[in-house]
Amino acid sequence: MNDNKIKTIQQKIETDYENITGIIVQKNDQLLYEHYFNNCNEASKIHVYSVSKSILSLLIGIAQEQGCVGDLDRPILDYFPEFQAKDANIKKITLENLLTMTTPYKYKDGPLAYIKYFTRKDWTKFTLKQLGGKQLTGEFKYTPLIGPDLLSAILARSTKQSVLNFARKELFEPLGIEVEKAIQLKSAKEQMAFNQSTTANGWVEDATGLNAGGWGLTLSNRDLVKIGQLILNQGYWKDKQIVPKNWLENMQQKHSHWEQEQLDYGYLWWVVDSTKPIIAAMGDGGNVLYIDHEKQLVVAITALFKENVYDRIDFIQQEIVSLL
């Protein structure tokens, strides 16, 4: 990218996207653009919010290949024998329902619901109690917080280790990604500080040691780009198959649809355009990992929390991809 194109992108960010902390654009495994904002640099670790869900999907795929996690049509209650459900609808919920956001919950989003969630010491127990309600199993319902925690619990129980330890061994360390420690947030003040931190390095866990499934992971832009390139490489990294190829193929297909936002969903990844194909991991504040197979393109954006940021895919496609 020439200096004029770079200047155009940076001016746009400084004017309209002031919460962005870093951007990397990589095409054909070659770096085209890397720049940082808000006093950040290549080592800065940012809470990437729901991008954590997409990382969890990769881990589920690895665990299934190893025989730890069962078929996707297996009822999730098989993994939670301590929970007795009377509702027949709950008994039908499968792993695939969790991966495709087609699980019914009584839980309703909102400030009070968030407080109830964050103040619970055991997110697994809390989430199991929220299963059910009027929604039918198989209908799309996006749940930013509680749903993926059950996948996290299933992964931990199946592999007999924490999600973070499994992720380090099977995904992070092979890619040269350092996620330093498990982090427990014991107050709203600590939560806010974590959300605005550029140095925290880890993955949030509850009091039982369960790593959050839908949020709580900190990554750098370079970490995200490695994940993106791994997917473009069909799961290969340095001549080793890290994530099963067949999992990646299924993960990137449309399995459900969010009518409200007119977005297709794979296995904890957004299917931006199935014809290209283009997928994305997206988190609050405008954190995005954008992957275009046709163009062999990866765009990684990290950002500090800001409410109602929904335009980063448009920004990538209109302001970055159009300049390539």
Foldseek 3Di string as FASTA:
>chain_A
DDPVLVVLLVVCCVVPPQFWAWKWKAFPNHTDDIDGHPPADQQWWAWQFQLLLVLLLLLVQLCVVVVLDDDQQDQLCVLVVVDDDPDPQNRRHGNVLLQFQQFAFQQDDDDVSVVVQLQDQDLQVVLSVGGDDDRGRPAHDDDQFRSQLSSQSSSCSSVVHHPQVSCCVQPQVLLVHDQDEEDEDNDVVSVLCNLQGRHHGHFYDGNVRRGTNRTGHIGGQVSLVSVQLCLLVLQDDPNDRRGHNVSSVQQQDFDHADPVVRWGGGRSWTAPDPVQTKIWRHRASGFIWIHGNNRNMTMGIHGRHDPDDDCNVVCCVVSPVVVD
